[in-house]
Amino acid sequence: MKAQPDADKTLNLILSRLDDMKAEETVTIDLRGKSAYSDYMIVTSGRANRHVGAIAENVTKSLKENGIKSVHVEGLSNCDWVLIDSGDVIVHVFRPEVREFYNLERLWTQNPAVAAV
């Protein structure tokens, strides 16, 4: 199953922003054929609450500036775990200990087709 060109463009935009913001241990999970609601999931970490919030705000701003208007964000009030849903790509930004607790990568990668970025 092939991703929409827009999904790949969105994925690359988000990965670029995460790199700019010094997000850590970024993992991209290909959901094509596994999920009807999204093509990719990105799981990444910020060093502390402020870093998580700054990453999430930067990614959200960049998505909106690039014409992706229906961005849904949850968790910005605490910044332990922020979810950014852009439709084609879902981003989870965690503090390291929260990420370890929920371990989303394991949940979605029973067959190890995970691409570490």
PDB file of N, CA and C in Angstrom:
ATOM      1  N   MET A   1       0.843  -1.185   0.000  1.00  0.00           N
ATOM      2  CA  MET A   1       0.000   0.000   0.000  1.00  0.00           C
ATOM      3  C   MET A   1       0.887   1.246   0.000  1.00  0.00           C
ATOM      4  N   LYS A   2       0.600   2.176  -0.881  1.00  0.00           N
ATOM      5  CA  LYS A   2       1.453   3.354  -1.044  1.00  0.00           C
ATOM      6  C   LYS A   2       0.855   4.545  -0.303  1.00  0.00           C
ATOM      7  N   ALA A   3       1.702   5.296   0.356  1.00  0.00           N
ATOM      8  CA  ALA A   3       1.245   6.503   1.066  1.00  0.00           C
ATOM      9  C   ALA A   3       0.888   7.580   0.052  1.00  0.00           C
ATOM     10  N   GLN A   4       0.000   8.437   0.445  1.00  0.00           N
ATOM     11  CA  GLN A   4      -0.326   9.592  -0.382  1.00  0.00           C
ATOM     12  C   GLN A   4       0.909  10.492  -0.443  1.00  0.00           C
ATOM     13  N   PRO A   5       1.148  11.160  -1.590  1.00  0.00           N
ATOM     14  CA  PRO A   5       2.304  12.066  -1.660  1.00  0.00           C
ATOM     15  C   PRO A   5       2.255  13.114  -0.554  1.00  0.00           C
ATOM     16  N   ASP A   6       1.042  13.567  -0.218  1.00  0.00           N
ATOM     17  CA  ASP A   6       0.905  14.555   0.850  1.00  0.00           C
ATOM     18  C   ASP A   6       1.363  13.998   2.189  1.00  0.00           C
ATOM     19  N   ALA A   7       1.103  12.710   2.430  1.00  0.00           N
ATOM     20  CA  ALA A   7       1.525  12.091   3.689  1.00  0.00           C
ATOM     21  C   ALA A   7       3.045  12.088   3.784  1.00  0.00           C
ATOM     22  N   ASP A   8       3.710  11.752   2.687  1.00  0.00           N
ATOM     23  CA  ASP A   8       5.174  11.749   2.688  1.00  0.00           C
ATOM     24  C   ASP A   8       5.720  13.160   2.874  1.00  0.00           C
ATOM     25  N   LYS A   9       5.091  14.134   2.242  1.00  0.00           N
ATOM     26  CA  LYS A   9       5.511  15.529   2.372  1.00  0.00           C
ATOM     27  C   LYS A   9       5.339  15.991   3.827  1.00  0.00           C
ATOM     28  N   THR A  10       4.201  15.651   4.421  1.00  0.00           N
ATOM     29  CA  THR A  10       3.941  16.007   5.815  1.00  0.00           C
ATOM     30  C   THR A  10       4.941  15.323   6.738  1.00  0.00           C
ATOM     31  N   LEU A  11       5.198  14.042   6.491  1.00  0.00           N
ATOM     32  CA  LEU A  11       6.165  13.293   7.286  1.00  0.00           C
ATOM     33  C   LEU A  11       7.531  13.975   7.252  1.00  0.00           C
ATOM     34  N   ASN A  12       7.997  14.312   6.059  1.00  0.00           N
ATOM     35  CA  ASN A  12       9.310  14.947   5.926  1.00  0.00           C
ATOM     36  C   ASN A  12       9.364  16.316   6.593  1.00  0.00           C
ATOM     37  N   LEU A  13       8.284  17.081   6.487  1.00  0.00           N
ATOM     38  CA  LEU A  13       8.199  18.380   7.144  1.00  0.00           C
ATOM     39  C   LEU A  13       8.332  18.216   8.662  1.00  0.00           C
ATOM     40  N   ILE A  14       7.572  17.272   9.212  1.00  0.00           N
ATOM     41  CA  ILE A  14       7.591  17.053  10.661  1.00  0.00           C
ATOM     42  C   ILE A  14       8.969  16.571  11.109  1.00  0.00           C
ATOM     43  N   LEU A  15       9.544  15.619  10.389  1.00  0.00           N
ATOM     44  CA  LEU A  15      10.868  15.107  10.768  1.00  0.00           C
ATOM     45  C   LEU A  15      11.919  16.216  10.736  1.00  0.00           C
ATOM     46  N   SER A  16      11.796  17.112   9.772  1.00  0.00           N
ATOM     47  CA  SER A  16      12.714  18.241   9.685  1.00  0.00           C
ATOM     48  C   SER A  16      12.570  19.154  10.910  1.00  0.00           C
ATOM     49  N   ARG A  17      11.320  19.446  11.300  1.00  0.00           N
ATOM     50  CA  ARG A  17      11.081  20.294  12.472  1.00  0.00           C
ATOM     51  C   ARG A  17      11.614  19.616  13.730  1.00  0.00           C
ATOM     52  N   LEU A  18      11.389  18.317  13.869  1.00  0.00           N
ATOM     53  CA  LEU A  18      11.858  17.601  15.058  1.00  0.00           C
ATOM     54  C   LEU A  18      13.381  17.670  15.142  1.00  0.00           C
ATOM     55  N   ASP A  19      14.032  17.540  14.007  1.00  0.00           N
ATOM     56  CA  ASP A  19      15.487  17.639  13.969  1.00  0.00           C
ATOM     57  C   ASP A  19      15.943  19.045  14.373  1.00  0.00           C
ATOM     58  N   ASP A  20      15.264  20.060  13.830  1.00  0.00           N
ATOM     59  CA  ASP A  20      15.587  21.454  14.169  1.00  0.00           C
ATOM     60  C   ASP A  20      15.458  21.716  15.670  1.00  0.00           C
ATOM     61  N   MET A  21      14.459  21.077  16.278  1.00  0.00           N
ATOM     62  CA  MET A  21      14.166  21.315  17.695  1.00  0.00           C
ATOM     63  C   MET A  21      14.935  20.376  18.623  1.00  0.00           C
ATOM     64  N   LYS A  22      15.843  19.588  18.054  1.00  0.00           N
ATOM     65  CA  LYS A  22      16.680  18.664  18.837  1.00  0.00           C
ATOM     66  C   LYS A  22      15.853  17.630  19.602  1.00  0.00           C
ATOM     67  N   ALA A  23      14.765  17.172  18.969  1.00  0.00           N
ATOM     68  CA  ALA A  23      13.992  16.070  19.551  1.00  0.00           C
ATOM     69  C   ALA A  23      14.899  14.839  19.590  1.00  0.00           C
ATOM     70  N   GLU A  24      14.661  13.956  20.553  1.00  0.00           N
ATOM     71  CA  GLU A  24      15.550  12.824  20.774  1.00  0.00           C
ATOM     72  C   GLU A  24      14.859  11.495  20.487  1.00  0.00           C
ATOM     73  N   GLU A  25      15.641  10.529  20.017  1.00  0.00           N
ATOM     74  CA  GLU A  25      15.172   9.154  19.785  1.00  0.00           C
ATOM     75  C   GLU A  25      13.890   9.114  18.963  1.00  0.00           C
ATOM     76  N   THR A  26      13.899   9.815  17.840  1.00  0.00           N
ATOM     77  CA  THR A  26      12.725   9.872  16.968  1.00  0.00           C
ATOM     78  C   THR A  26      12.585   8.571  16.192  1.00  0.00           C
ATOM     79  N   VAL A  27      11.384   7.995  16.247  1.00  0.00           N
ATOM     80  CA  VAL A  27      11.073   6.752  15.543  1.00  0.00           C
ATOM     81  C   VAL A  27       9.858   6.997  14.659  1.00  0.00           C
ATOM     82  N   THR A  28       9.943   6.566  13.404  1.00  0.00           N
ATOM     83  CA  THR A  28       8.809   6.656  12.482  1.00  0.00           C
ATOM     84  C   THR A  28       8.232   5.254  12.299  1.00  0.00           C
ATOM     85  N   ILE A  29       6.927   5.136  12.484  1.00  0.00           N
ATOM     86  CA  ILE A  29       6.238   3.857  12.334  1.00  0.00           C
ATOM     87  C   ILE A  29       5.295   3.965  11.144  1.00  0.00           C
ATOM     88  N   ASP A  30       5.454   3.072  10.190  1.00  0.00           N
ATOM     89  CA  ASP A  30       4.623   3.043   8.990  1.00  0.00           C
ATOM     90  C   ASP A  30       3.315   2.341   9.336  1.00  0.00           C
ATOM     91  N   LEU A  31       2.207   3.079   9.268  1.00  0.00           N
ATOM     92  CA  LEU A  31       0.902   2.517   9.622  1.00  0.00           C
ATOM     93  C   LEU A  31       0.083   2.114   8.403  1.00  0.00           C
ATOM     94  N   ARG A  32       0.627   2.294   7.207  1.00  0.00           N
ATOM     95  CA  ARG A  32      -0.133   1.954   6.012  1.00  0.00           C
ATOM     96  C   ARG A  32      -0.469   0.469   6.033  1.00  0.00           C
ATOM     97  N   GLY A  33      -1.752   0.166   5.877  1.00  0.00           N
ATOM     98  CA  GLY A  33      -2.208  -1.204   5.935  1.00  0.00           C
ATOM     99  C   GLY A  33      -2.496  -1.690   7.348  1.00  0.00           C
ATOM    100  N   LYS A  34      -2.109  -0.912   8.362  1.00  0.00           N
ATOM    101  CA  LYS A  34      -2.362  -1.284   9.760  1.00  0.00           C
ATOM    102  C   LYS A  34      -3.429  -0.405  10.386  1.00  0.00           C
ATOM    103  N   SER A  35      -3.624   0.778   9.811  1.00  0.00           N
ATOM    104  CA  SER A  35      -4.534   1.758  10.395  1.00  0.00           C
ATOM    105  C   SER A  35      -5.309   2.474   9.293  1.00  0.00           C
ATOM    106  N   ALA A  36      -6.589   2.642   9.510  1.00  0.00           N
ATOM    107  CA  ALA A  36      -7.420   3.351   8.531  1.00  0.00           C
ATOM    108  C   ALA A  36      -7.352   4.862   8.722  1.00  0.00           C
ATOM    109  N   TYR A  37      -6.829   5.324   9.851  1.00  0.00           N
ATOM    110  CA  TYR A  37      -6.897   6.755  10.144  1.00  0.00           C
ATOM    111  C   TYR A  37      -5.612   7.523   9.871  1.00  0.00           C
ATOM    112  N   SER A  38      -4.515   6.850   9.644  1.00  0.00           N
ATOM    113  CA  SER A  38      -3.264   7.578   9.470  1.00  0.00           C
ATOM    114  C   SER A  38      -2.250   6.726   8.721  1.00  0.00           C
ATOM    115  N   ASP A  39      -1.316   7.384   8.006  1.00  0.00           N
ATOM    116  CA  ASP A  39      -0.267   6.670   7.268  1.00  0.00           C
ATOM    117  C   ASP A  39       0.999   6.459   8.096  1.00  0.00           C
ATOM    118  N   TYR A  40       1.301   7.419   8.970  1.00  0.00           N
ATOM    119  CA  TYR A  40       2.532   7.329   9.755  1.00  0.00           C
ATOM    120  C   TYR A  40       2.288   7.788  11.187  1.00  0.00           C
ATOM    121  N   MET A  41       3.065   7.214  12.095  1.00  0.00           N
ATOM    122  CA  MET A  41       3.109   7.673  13.471  1.00  0.00           C
ATOM    123  C   MET A  41       4.575   7.957  13.796  1.00  0.00           C
ATOM    124  N   ILE A  42       4.800   9.088  14.436  1.00  0.00           N
ATOM    125  CA  ILE A  42       6.139   9.439  14.889  1.00  0.00           C
ATOM    126  C   ILE A  42       6.105   9.479  16.412  1.00  0.00           C
ATOM    127  N   VAL A  43       7.092   8.838  17.028  1.00  0.00           N
ATOM    128  CA  VAL A  43       7.249   8.879  18.478  1.00  0.00           C
ATOM    129  C   VAL A  43       8.616   9.495  18.735  1.00  0.00           C
ATOM    130  N   THR A  44       8.628  10.526  19.576  1.00  0.00           N
ATOM    131  CA  THR A  44       9.889  11.220  19.863  1.00  0.00           C
ATOM    132  C   THR A  44       9.883  11.727  21.296  1.00  0.00           C
ATOM    133  N   SER A  45      11.028  12.195  21.750  1.00  0.00           N
ATOM    134  CA  SER A  45      11.143  12.677  23.127  1.00  0.00           C
ATOM    135  C   SER A  45      11.756  14.062  23.183  1.00  0.00           C
ATOM    136  N   GLY A  46      11.318  14.791  24.211  1.00  0.00           N
ATOM    137  CA  GLY A  46      11.970  16.038  24.597  1.00  0.00           C
ATOM    138  C   GLY A  46      12.617  15.807  25.946  1.00  0.00           C
ATOM    139  N   ARG A  47      13.615  16.588  26.283  1.00  0.00           N
ATOM    140  CA  ARG A  47      14.369  16.359  27.524  1.00  0.00           C
ATOM    141  C   ARG A  47      13.571  16.679  28.790  1.00  0.00           C
ATOM    142  N   ALA A  48      12.689  17.653  28.712  1.00  0.00           N
ATOM    143  CA  ALA A  48      11.908  18.091  29.878  1.00  0.00           C
ATOM    144  C   ALA A  48      10.587  18.677  29.377  1.00  0.00           C
ATOM    145  N   ASN A  49       9.693  19.009  30.292  1.00  0.00           N
ATOM    146  CA  ASN A  49       8.375  19.528  29.919  1.00  0.00           C
ATOM    147  C   ASN A  49       8.467  20.708  28.960  1.00  0.00           C
ATOM    148  N   ARG A  50       9.354  21.649  29.255  1.00  0.00           N
ATOM    149  CA  ARG A  50       9.475  22.838  28.385  1.00  0.00           C
ATOM    150  C   ARG A  50       9.927  22.457  26.990  1.00  0.00           C
ATOM    151  N   HIS A  51      10.832  21.496  26.891  1.00  0.00           N
ATOM    152  CA  HIS A  51      11.328  21.044  25.591  1.00  0.00           C
ATOM    153  C   HIS A  51      10.215  20.339  24.819  1.00  0.00           C
ATOM    154  N   VAL A  52       9.449  19.494  25.500  1.00  0.00           N
ATOM    155  CA  VAL A  52       8.310  18.804  24.875  1.00  0.00           C
ATOM    156  C   VAL A  52       7.327  19.836  24.318  1.00  0.00           C
ATOM    157  N   GLY A  53       6.994  20.848  25.125  1.00  0.00           N
ATOM    158  CA  GLY A  53       6.063  21.893  24.696  1.00  0.00           C
ATOM    159  C   GLY A  53       6.594  22.691  23.517  1.00  0.00           C
ATOM    160  N   ALA A  54       7.870  23.035  23.560  1.00  0.00           N
ATOM    161  CA  ALA A  54       8.472  23.810  22.468  1.00  0.00           C
ATOM    162  C   ALA A  54       8.484  23.002  21.171  1.00  0.00           C
ATOM    163  N   ILE A  55       8.810  21.721  21.257  1.00  0.00           N
ATOM    164  CA  ILE A  55       8.788  20.857  20.074  1.00  0.00           C
ATOM    165  C   ILE A  55       7.383  20.821  19.491  1.00  0.00           C
ATOM    166  N   ALA A  56       6.395  20.551  20.338  1.00  0.00           N
ATOM    167  CA  ALA A  56       5.009  20.426  19.879  1.00  0.00           C
ATOM    168  C   ALA A  56       4.509  21.727  19.249  1.00  0.00           C
ATOM    169  N   GLU A  57       4.804  22.858  19.875  1.00  0.00           N
ATOM    170  CA  GLU A  57       4.358  24.143  19.338  1.00  0.00           C
ATOM    171  C   GLU A  57       5.030  24.445  18.004  1.00  0.00           C
ATOM    172  N   ASN A  58       6.311  24.129  17.880  1.00  0.00           N
ATOM    173  CA  ASN A  58       7.042  24.367  16.641  1.00  0.00           C
ATOM    174  C   ASN A  58       6.490  23.509  15.506  1.00  0.00           C
ATOM    175  N   VAL A  59       6.247  22.230  15.775  1.00  0.00           N
ATOM    176  CA  VAL A  59       5.699  21.326  14.752  1.00  0.00           C
ATOM    177  C   VAL A  59       4.308  21.800  14.325  1.00  0.00           C
ATOM    178  N   THR A  60       3.471  22.143  15.292  1.00  0.00           N
ATOM    179  CA  THR A  60       2.105  22.594  14.993  1.00  0.00           C
ATOM    180  C   THR A  60       2.127  23.866  14.150  1.00  0.00           C
ATOM    181  N   LYS A  61       2.959  24.822  14.527  1.00  0.00           N
ATOM    182  CA  LYS A  61       3.074  26.079  13.773  1.00  0.00           C
ATOM    183  C   LYS A  61       3.520  25.806  12.345  1.00  0.00           C
ATOM    184  N   SER A  62       4.506  24.955  12.182  1.00  0.00           N
ATOM    185  CA  SER A  62       5.029  24.623  10.860  1.00  0.00           C
ATOM    186  C   SER A  62       3.972  23.941   9.989  1.00  0.00           C
ATOM    187  N   LEU A  63       3.195  23.034  10.579  1.00  0.00           N
ATOM    188  CA  LEU A  63       2.126  22.368   9.828  1.00  0.00           C
ATOM    189  C   LEU A  63       1.112  23.392   9.319  1.00  0.00           C
ATOM    190  N   LYS A  64       0.693  24.295  10.198  1.00  0.00           N
ATOM    191  CA  LYS A  64      -0.292  25.311   9.814  1.00  0.00           C
ATOM    192  C   LYS A  64       0.265  26.255   8.754  1.00  0.00           C
ATOM    193  N   GLU A  65       1.541  26.618   8.881  1.00  0.00           N
ATOM    194  CA  GLU A  65       2.173  27.494   7.888  1.00  0.00           C
ATOM    195  C   GLU A  65       2.271  26.815   6.519  1.00  0.00           C
ATOM    196  N   ASN A  66       2.267  25.491   6.507  1.00  0.00           N
ATOM    197  CA  ASN A  66       2.370  24.734   5.263  1.00  0.00           C
ATOM    198  C   ASN A  66       1.014  24.237   4.763  1.00  0.00           C
ATOM    199  N   GLY A  67      -0.050  24.865   5.245  1.00  0.00           N
ATOM    200  CA  GLY A  67      -1.379  24.615   4.698  1.00  0.00           C
ATOM    201  C   GLY A  67      -2.153  23.474   5.318  1.00  0.00           C
ATOM    202  N   ILE A  68      -1.646  22.884   6.382  1.00  0.00           N
ATOM    203  CA  ILE A  68      -2.376  21.814   7.060  1.00  0.00           C
ATOM    204  C   ILE A  68      -3.142  22.468   8.205  1.00  0.00           C
ATOM    205  N   LYS A  69      -4.404  22.764   7.946  1.00  0.00           N
ATOM    206  CA  LYS A  69      -5.182  23.601   8.865  1.00  0.00           C
ATOM    207  C   LYS A  69      -5.854  22.806   9.981  1.00  0.00           C
ATOM    208  N   SER A  70      -6.230  21.562   9.718  1.00  0.00           N
ATOM    209  CA  SER A  70      -7.015  20.811  10.707  1.00  0.00           C
ATOM    210  C   SER A  70      -6.103  20.002  11.630  1.00  0.00           C
ATOM    211  N   VAL A  71      -5.177  20.690  12.293  1.00  0.00           N
ATOM    212  CA  VAL A  71      -4.252  20.038  13.217  1.00  0.00           C
ATOM    213  C   VAL A  71      -4.907  20.002  14.595  1.00  0.00           C
ATOM    214  N   HIS A  72      -4.928  18.809  15.183  1.00  0.00           N
ATOM    215  CA  HIS A  72      -5.504  18.641  16.524  1.00  0.00           C
ATOM    216  C   HIS A  72      -4.362  18.347  17.501  1.00  0.00           C
ATOM    217  N   VAL A  73      -4.320  19.105  18.601  1.00  0.00           N
ATOM    218  CA  VAL A  73      -3.248  18.952  19.585  1.00  0.00           C
ATOM    219  C   VAL A  73      -3.859  18.680  20.954  1.00  0.00           C
ATOM    220  N   GLU A  74      -3.303  17.702  21.664  1.00  0.00           N
ATOM    221  CA  GLU A  74      -3.724  17.407  23.037  1.00  0.00           C
ATOM    222  C   GLU A  74      -2.504  17.294  23.925  1.00  0.00           C
ATOM    223  N   GLY A  75      -2.629  17.736  25.168  1.00  0.00           N
ATOM    224  CA  GLY A  75      -1.583  17.540  26.159  1.00  0.00           C
ATOM    225  C   GLY A  75      -0.635  18.701  26.360  1.00  0.00           C
ATOM    226  N   LEU A  76      -0.870  19.833  25.687  1.00  0.00           N
ATOM    227  CA  LEU A  76       0.049  20.968  25.831  1.00  0.00           C
ATOM    228  C   LEU A  76       0.023  21.583  27.227  1.00  0.00           C
ATOM    229  N   SER A  77      -1.052  21.376  27.972  1.00  0.00           N
ATOM    230  CA  SER A  77      -1.126  21.977  29.307  1.00  0.00           C
ATOM    231  C   SER A  77      -0.103  21.360  30.262  1.00  0.00           C
ATOM    232  N   ASN A  78       0.156  20.045  30.154  1.00  0.00           N
ATOM    233  CA  ASN A  78       1.120  19.380  31.044  1.00  0.00           C
ATOM    234  C   ASN A  78       2.486  19.184  30.409  1.00  0.00           C
ATOM    235  N   CYS A  79       2.498  18.923  29.098  1.00  0.00           N
ATOM    236  CA  CYS A  79       3.734  18.677  28.350  1.00  0.00           C
ATOM    237  C   CYS A  79       4.492  17.437  28.817  1.00  0.00           C
ATOM    238  N   ASP A  80       3.774  16.446  29.353  1.00  0.00           N
ATOM    239  CA  ASP A  80       4.368  15.132  29.624  1.00  0.00           C
ATOM    240  C   ASP A  80       4.321  14.305  28.346  1.00  0.00           C
ATOM    241  N   TRP A  81       3.163  14.415  27.665  1.00  0.00           N
ATOM    242  CA  TRP A  81       2.913  13.677  26.433  1.00  0.00           C
ATOM    243  C   TRP A  81       1.999  14.567  25.592  1.00  0.00           C
ATOM    244  N   VAL A  82       2.503  15.029  24.461  1.00  0.00           N
ATOM    245  CA  VAL A  82       1.700  15.862  23.573  1.00  0.00           C
ATOM    246  C   VAL A  82       1.436  15.072  22.300  1.00  0.00           C
ATOM    247  N   LEU A  83       0.167  15.024  21.917  1.00  0.00           N
ATOM    248  CA  LEU A  83      -0.260  14.359  20.691  1.00  0.00           C
ATOM    249  C   LEU A  83      -0.578  15.424  19.655  1.00  0.00           C
ATOM    250  N   ILE A  84      -0.015  15.268  18.462  1.00  0.00           N
ATOM    251  CA  ILE A  84      -0.307  16.166  17.345  1.00  0.00           C
ATOM    252  C   ILE A  84      -0.860  15.303  16.224  1.00  0.00           C
ATOM    253  N   ASP A  85      -2.104  15.553  15.860  1.00  0.00           N
ATOM    254  CA  ASP A  85      -2.760  14.772  14.804  1.00  0.00           C
ATOM    255  C   ASP A  85      -2.952  15.672  13.594  1.00  0.00           C
ATOM    256  N   SER A  86      -2.189  15.392  12.526  1.00  0.00           N
ATOM    257  CA  SER A  86      -2.319  16.187  11.307  1.00  0.00           C
ATOM    258  C   SER A  86      -3.114  15.431  10.244  1.00  0.00           C
ATOM    259  N   GLY A  87      -3.715  14.307  10.624  1.00  0.00           N
ATOM    260  CA  GLY A  87      -4.448  13.491   9.673  1.00  0.00           C
ATOM    261  C   GLY A  87      -3.585  12.362   9.154  1.00  0.00           C
ATOM    262  N   ASP A  88      -2.727  12.655   8.171  1.00  0.00           N
ATOM    263  CA  ASP A  88      -1.858  11.632   7.582  1.00  0.00           C
ATOM    264  C   ASP A  88      -0.759  11.167   8.531  1.00  0.00           C
ATOM    265  N   VAL A  89      -0.329  12.069   9.415  1.00  0.00           N
ATOM    266  CA  VAL A  89       0.778  11.766  10.327  1.00  0.00           C
ATOM    267  C   VAL A  89       0.372  12.158  11.744  1.00  0.00           C
ATOM    268  N   ILE A  90       0.584  11.224  12.672  1.00  0.00           N
ATOM    269  CA  ILE A  90       0.325  11.486  14.087  1.00  0.00           C
ATOM    270  C   ILE A  90       1.673  11.528  14.798  1.00  0.00           C
ATOM    271  N   VAL A  91       1.857  12.540  15.638  1.00  0.00           N
ATOM    272  CA  VAL A  91       3.125  12.713  16.352  1.00  0.00           C
ATOM    273  C   VAL A  91       2.862  12.628  17.850  1.00  0.00           C
ATOM    274  N   HIS A  92       3.665  11.826  18.531  1.00  0.00           N
ATOM    275  CA  HIS A  92       3.636  11.740  19.991  1.00  0.00           C
ATOM    276  C   HIS A  92       4.965  12.283  20.487  1.00  0.00           C
ATOM    277  N   VAL A  93       4.911  13.349  21.294  1.00  0.00           N
ATOM    278  CA  VAL A  93       6.121  13.927  21.876  1.00  0.00           C
ATOM    279  C   VAL A  93       6.058  13.673  23.383  1.00  0.00           C
ATOM    280  N   PHE A  94       7.032  12.940  23.897  1.00  0.00           N
ATOM    281  CA  PHE A  94       7.033  12.505  25.291  1.00  0.00           C
ATOM    282  C   PHE A  94       8.216  13.058  26.063  1.00  0.00           C
ATOM    283  N   ARG A  95       8.036  13.147  27.389  1.00  0.00           N
ATOM    284  CA  ARG A  95       9.194  13.196  28.277  1.00  0.00           C
ATOM    285  C   ARG A  95       9.691  11.752  28.337  1.00  0.00           C
ATOM    286  N   PRO A  96      11.015  11.523  28.477  1.00  0.00           N
ATOM    287  CA  PRO A  96      11.565  10.169  28.382  1.00  0.00           C
ATOM    288  C   PRO A  96      10.909   9.134  29.302  1.00  0.00           C
ATOM    289  N   GLU A  97      10.660   9.498  30.563  1.00  0.00           N
ATOM    290  CA  GLU A  97      10.085   8.503  31.481  1.00  0.00           C
ATOM    291  C   GLU A  97       8.623   8.185  31.152  1.00  0.00           C
ATOM    292  N   VAL A  98       7.901   9.144  30.605  1.00  0.00           N
ATOM    293  CA  VAL A  98       6.508   8.905  30.200  1.00  0.00           C
ATOM    294  C   VAL A  98       6.495   8.008  28.956  1.00  0.00           C
ATOM    295  N   ARG A  99       7.413   8.274  28.038  1.00  0.00           N
ATOM    296  CA  ARG A  99       7.521   7.443  26.835  1.00  0.00           C
ATOM    297  C   ARG A  99       7.828   5.997  27.207  1.00  0.00           C
ATOM    298  N   GLU A 100       8.748   5.816  28.140  1.00  0.00           N
ATOM    299  CA  GLU A 100       9.117   4.468  28.564  1.00  0.00           C
ATOM    300  C   GLU A 100       7.925   3.757  29.195  1.00  0.00           C
ATOM    301  N   PHE A 101       7.133   4.476  29.984  1.00  0.00           N
ATOM    302  CA  PHE A 101       5.977   3.898  30.660  1.00  0.00           C
ATOM    303  C   PHE A 101       4.942   3.397  29.654  1.00  0.00           C
ATOM    304  N   TYR A 102       4.590   4.220  28.661  1.00  0.00           N
ATOM    305  CA  TYR A 102       3.542   3.848  27.703  1.00  0.00           C
ATOM    306  C   TYR A 102       4.058   2.938  26.582  1.00  0.00           C
ATOM    307  N   ASN A 103       5.315   3.067  26.219  1.00  0.00           N
ATOM    308  CA  ASN A 103       5.966   2.192  25.248  1.00  0.00           C
ATOM    309  C   ASN A 103       5.132   1.965  23.975  1.00  0.00           C
ATOM    310  N   LEU A 104       4.707   3.062  23.343  1.00  0.00           N
ATOM    311  CA  LEU A 104       3.878   2.977  22.139  1.00  0.00           C
ATOM    312  C   LEU A 104       4.554   2.249  20.991  1.00  0.00           C
ATOM    313  N   GLU A 105       5.863   2.389  20.882  1.00  0.00           N
ATOM    314  CA  GLU A 105       6.569   1.723  19.785  1.00  0.00           C
ATOM    315  C   GLU A 105       6.310   0.223  19.807  1.00  0.00           C
ATOM    316  N   ARG A 106       6.384  -0.387  20.982  1.00  0.00           N
ATOM    317  CA  ARG A 106       6.178  -1.830  21.097  1.00  0.00           C
ATOM    318  C   ARG A 106       4.757  -2.203  20.693  1.00  0.00           C
ATOM    319  N   LEU A 107       3.820  -1.377  21.076  1.00  0.00           N
ATOM    320  CA  LEU A 107       2.418  -1.627  20.764  1.00  0.00           C
ATOM    321  C   LEU A 107       2.170  -1.689  19.264  1.00  0.00           C
ATOM    322  N   TRP A 108       2.833  -0.805  18.510  1.00  0.00           N
ATOM    323  CA  TRP A 108       2.576  -0.700  17.069  1.00  0.00           C
ATOM    324  C   TRP A 108       3.574  -1.455  16.208  1.00  0.00           C
ATOM    325  N   THR A 109       4.566  -2.052  16.806  1.00  0.00           N
ATOM    326  CA  THR A 109       5.600  -2.694  15.990  1.00  0.00           C
ATOM    327  C   THR A 109       5.793  -4.149  16.377  1.00  0.00           C
ATOM    328  N   GLN A 110       4.712  -4.883  16.419  1.00  0.00           N
ATOM    329  CA  GLN A 110       4.822  -6.309  16.720  1.00  0.00           C
ATOM    330  C   GLN A 110       5.691  -6.992  15.666  1.00  0.00           C
ATOM    331  N   ASN A 111       5.554  -6.569  14.389  1.00  0.00           N
ATOM    332  CA  ASN A 111       6.537  -7.009  13.397  1.00  0.00           C
ATOM    333  C   ASN A 111       7.486  -5.836  13.234  1.00  0.00           C
ATOM    334  N   PRO A 112       8.762  -6.055  13.376  1.00  0.00           N
ATOM    335  CA  PRO A 112       9.721  -4.947  13.509  1.00  0.00           C
ATOM    336  C   PRO A 112      10.013  -4.214  12.202  1.00  0.00           C
ATOM    337  N   ALA A 113       8.999  -3.534  11.673  1.00  0.00           N
ATOM    338  CA  ALA A 113       9.193  -2.714  10.470  1.00  0.00           C
ATOM    339  C   ALA A 113       9.319  -1.260  10.881  1.00  0.00           C
ATOM    340  N   VAL A 114      10.104  -0.997  11.916  1.00  0.00           N
ATOM    341  CA  VAL A 114      10.281   0.351  12.434  1.00  0.00           C
ATOM    342  C   VAL A 114      11.526   0.960  11.827  1.00  0.00           C
ATOM    343  N   ALA A 115      11.377   2.186  11.362  1.00  0.00           N
ATOM    344  CA  ALA A 115      12.525   2.899  10.809  1.00  0.00           C
ATOM    345  C   ALA A 115      12.970   3.947  11.798  1.00  0.00           C
ATOM    346  N   ALA A 116      14.093   3.747  12.421  1.00  0.00           N
ATOM    347  CA  ALA A 116      14.648   4.763  13.332  1.00  0.00           C
ATOM    348  C   ALA A 116      15.220   5.885  12.479  1.00  0.00           C
ATOM    349  N   VAL A 117      14.946   7.100  12.881  1.00  0.00           N
ATOM    350  CA  VAL A 117      15.410   8.257  12.103  1.00  0.00           C
ATOM    351  C   VAL A 117      16.541   8.938  12.829  1.00  0.00           C
TER     352      VAL A 117
END
